[in-house]
């Protein structure tokens, strides 16, 4: 189960879709526009995230609304982004020329 979750996070488009959903619920159509990807591609990746338990979907009329189903996704992404920011800042300091 752990490997399946990490596999779901291993694709850049899926990370982009999660990032969009961390800002709030969105329709699939809006996510297609915001991601710049095709409807089929976004739907495929959302299905993978849904199967991994990270994303939920509900119908409202003709639209499908997507949302973060597991709040741990937010925490996991924030921990990773925080750590990467620290590493980048450390690298930038190491590369800075002495004055």
C-alpha atoms as a PDB file:
ATOM      1  CA  UNK A   1       0.000   0.000   0.000  1.00  0.00           C
ATOM      2  CA  UNK A   2       2.870   2.357   0.784  1.00  0.00           C
ATOM      3  CA  UNK A   3       4.545   1.642  -2.539  1.00  0.00           C
ATOM      4  CA  UNK A   4       1.259   2.286  -4.373  1.00  0.00           C
ATOM      5  CA  UNK A   5       0.924   5.687  -2.717  1.00  0.00           C
ATOM      6  CA  UNK A   6       4.473   6.688  -3.573  1.00  0.00           C
ATOM      7  CA  UNK A   7       4.029   5.409  -7.136  1.00  0.00           C
ATOM      8  CA  UNK A   8       0.988   7.657  -7.438  1.00  0.00           C
ATOM      9  CA  UNK A   9       3.187  10.605  -6.444  1.00  0.00           C
ATOM     10  CA  UNK A  10       5.929   9.740  -8.931  1.00  0.00           C
ATOM     11  CA  UNK A  11       4.386  11.497 -11.952  1.00  0.00           C
ATOM     12  CA  UNK A  12       4.812  15.280 -12.412  1.00  0.00           C
ATOM     13  CA  UNK A  13       1.286  15.801 -13.782  1.00  0.00           C
ATOM     14  CA  UNK A  14      -0.233  14.019 -10.785  1.00  0.00           C
ATOM     15  CA  UNK A  15       1.778  16.282  -8.471  1.00  0.00           C
ATOM     16  CA  UNK A  16       0.531  19.304 -10.417  1.00  0.00           C
ATOM     17  CA  UNK A  17      -3.072  18.075 -10.101  1.00  0.00           C
ATOM     18  CA  UNK A  18      -2.641  17.546  -6.359  1.00  0.00           C
ATOM     19  CA  UNK A  19      -1.183  21.042  -6.057  1.00  0.00           C
ATOM     20  CA  UNK A  20      -4.264  22.465  -7.774  1.00  0.00           C
ATOM     21  CA  UNK A  21      -6.554  20.507  -5.474  1.00  0.00           C
ATOM     22  CA  UNK A  22      -4.675  21.645  -2.372  1.00  0.00           C
ATOM     23  CA  UNK A  23      -5.958  25.120  -3.251  1.00  0.00           C
ATOM     24  CA  UNK A  24      -9.563  23.853  -3.161  1.00  0.00           C
ATOM     25  CA  UNK A  25     -12.102  21.705  -4.955  1.00  0.00           C
ATOM     26  CA  UNK A  26     -12.224  21.974  -8.743  1.00  0.00           C
ATOM     27  CA  UNK A  27     -14.075  20.482 -11.664  1.00  0.00           C
ATOM     28  CA  UNK A  28     -12.245  18.125 -13.981  1.00  0.00           C
ATOM     29  CA  UNK A  29     -12.799  20.630 -16.806  1.00  0.00           C
ATOM     30  CA  UNK A  30     -11.129  23.420 -14.840  1.00  0.00           C
ATOM     31  CA  UNK A  31      -8.208  21.141 -14.009  1.00  0.00           C
ATOM     32  CA  UNK A  32      -7.787  20.293 -17.698  1.00  0.00           C
ATOM     33  CA  UNK A  33      -7.527  24.003 -18.506  1.00  0.00           C
ATOM     34  CA  UNK A  34      -5.275  24.809 -15.541  1.00  0.00           C
ATOM     35  CA  UNK A  35      -2.904  21.915 -16.200  1.00  0.00           C
ATOM     36  CA  UNK A  36      -2.647  22.419 -19.958  1.00  0.00           C
ATOM     37  CA  UNK A  37      -3.095  18.695 -20.471  1.00  0.00           C
ATOM     38  CA  UNK A  38      -5.794  16.800 -22.353  1.00  0.00           C
ATOM     39  CA  UNK A  39      -9.086  15.692 -20.818  1.00  0.00           C
ATOM     40  CA  UNK A  40      -8.145  12.032 -21.287  1.00  0.00           C
ATOM     41  CA  UNK A  41      -4.739  12.485 -19.658  1.00  0.00           C
ATOM     42  CA  UNK A  42      -6.087  14.426 -16.666  1.00  0.00           C
ATOM     43  CA  UNK A  43      -8.875  11.882 -16.163  1.00  0.00           C
ATOM     44  CA  UNK A  44      -6.391   9.000 -16.290  1.00  0.00           C
ATOM     45  CA  UNK A  45      -4.113  10.586 -13.694  1.00  0.00           C
ATOM     46  CA  UNK A  46      -7.012  11.587 -11.443  1.00  0.00           C
ATOM     47  CA  UNK A  47      -8.200   7.961 -11.530  1.00  0.00           C
ATOM     48  CA  UNK A  48      -4.750   6.813 -10.358  1.00  0.00           C
ATOM     49  CA  UNK A  49      -4.838   9.345  -7.510  1.00  0.00           C
ATOM     50  CA  UNK A  50      -8.383   8.267  -6.636  1.00  0.00           C
ATOM     51  CA  UNK A  51      -7.390   4.578  -6.626  1.00  0.00           C
ATOM     52  CA  UNK A  52      -4.516   5.456  -4.273  1.00  0.00           C
ATOM     53  CA  UNK A  53      -7.027   7.092  -1.900  1.00  0.00           C
ATOM     54  CA  UNK A  54      -5.625  10.586  -2.307  1.00  0.00           C
ATOM     55  CA  UNK A  55      -8.366  12.211  -4.388  1.00  0.00           C
ATOM     56  CA  UNK A  56     -12.129  11.976  -4.149  1.00  0.00           C
ATOM     57  CA  UNK A  57     -14.714  12.791  -6.800  1.00  0.00           C
ATOM     58  CA  UNK A  58     -18.400  13.601  -6.739  1.00  0.00           C
ATOM     59  CA  UNK A  59     -20.911  14.493  -9.419  1.00  0.00           C
ATOM     60  CA  UNK A  60     -22.730  17.814  -9.385  1.00  0.00           C
ATOM     61  CA  UNK A  61     -25.056  17.951 -12.351  1.00  0.00           C
ATOM     62  CA  UNK A  62     -22.918  17.354 -15.425  1.00  0.00           C
ATOM     63  CA  UNK A  63     -19.679  18.245 -13.663  1.00  0.00           C
ATOM     64  CA  UNK A  64     -17.308  16.046 -11.694  1.00  0.00           C
ATOM     65  CA  UNK A  65     -15.855  17.820  -8.679  1.00  0.00           C
ATOM     66  CA  UNK A  66     -12.461  16.653  -7.409  1.00  0.00           C
ATOM     67  CA  UNK A  67     -11.048  17.177  -3.934  1.00  0.00           C
ATOM     68  CA  UNK A  68      -8.262  15.972  -1.660  1.00  0.00           C
ATOM     69  CA  UNK A  69      -9.670  12.890   0.082  1.00  0.00           C
ATOM     70  CA  UNK A  70      -6.772  12.309   2.460  1.00  0.00           C
ATOM     71  CA  UNK A  71      -5.494  15.368   4.377  1.00  0.00           C
ATOM     72  CA  UNK A  72      -2.152  13.601   4.854  1.00  0.00           C
ATOM     73  CA  UNK A  73      -1.451  14.403   1.187  1.00  0.00           C
ATOM     74  CA  UNK A  74      -1.196  18.090   2.123  1.00  0.00           C
ATOM     75  CA  UNK A  75       1.139  17.333   5.016  1.00  0.00           C
ATOM     76  CA  UNK A  76       3.339  15.004   2.971  1.00  0.00           C
ATOM     77  CA  UNK A  77       3.669  17.517   0.132  1.00  0.00           C
ATOM     78  CA  UNK A  78       4.399  20.367   2.536  1.00  0.00           C
ATOM     79  CA  UNK A  79       7.095  18.333   4.311  1.00  0.00           C
ATOM     80  CA  UNK A  80       8.772  17.484   1.015  1.00  0.00           C
ATOM     81  CA  UNK A  81       8.530  21.024  -0.367  1.00  0.00           C
ATOM     82  CA  UNK A  82       9.882  22.442   2.883  1.00  0.00           C
ATOM     83  CA  UNK A  83      12.845  20.099   2.814  1.00  0.00           C
ATOM     84  CA  UNK A  84      13.598  20.846  -0.839  1.00  0.00           C
ATOM     85  CA  UNK A  85      13.435  24.599  -0.140  1.00  0.00           C
ATOM     86  CA  UNK A  86      15.994  24.164   2.652  1.00  0.00           C
ATOM     87  CA  UNK A  87      18.288  22.159   0.368  1.00  0.00           C
ATOM     88  CA  UNK A  88      18.044  24.774  -2.394  1.00  0.00           C
ATOM     89  CA  UNK A  89      18.776  27.600   0.057  1.00  0.00           C
ATOM     90  CA  UNK A  90      21.808  25.706   1.354  1.00  0.00           C
ATOM     91  CA  UNK A  91      23.062  25.166  -2.205  1.00  0.00           C
ATOM     92  CA  UNK A  92      22.524  28.827  -3.045  1.00  0.00           C
ATOM     93  CA  UNK A  93      24.530  29.876   0.035  1.00  0.00           C
ATOM     94  CA  UNK A  94      27.333  27.499  -0.888  1.00  0.00           C
ATOM     95  CA  UNK A  95      27.472  28.946  -4.406  1.00  0.00           C
ATOM     96  CA  UNK A  96      27.369  32.568  -3.269  1.00  0.00           C
ATOM     97  CA  UNK A  97      30.595  34.366  -4.002  1.00  0.00           C
ATOM     98  CA  UNK A  98      32.374  35.912  -1.026  1.00  0.00           C
ATOM     99  CA  UNK A  99      32.360  39.694  -1.043  1.00  0.00           C
END
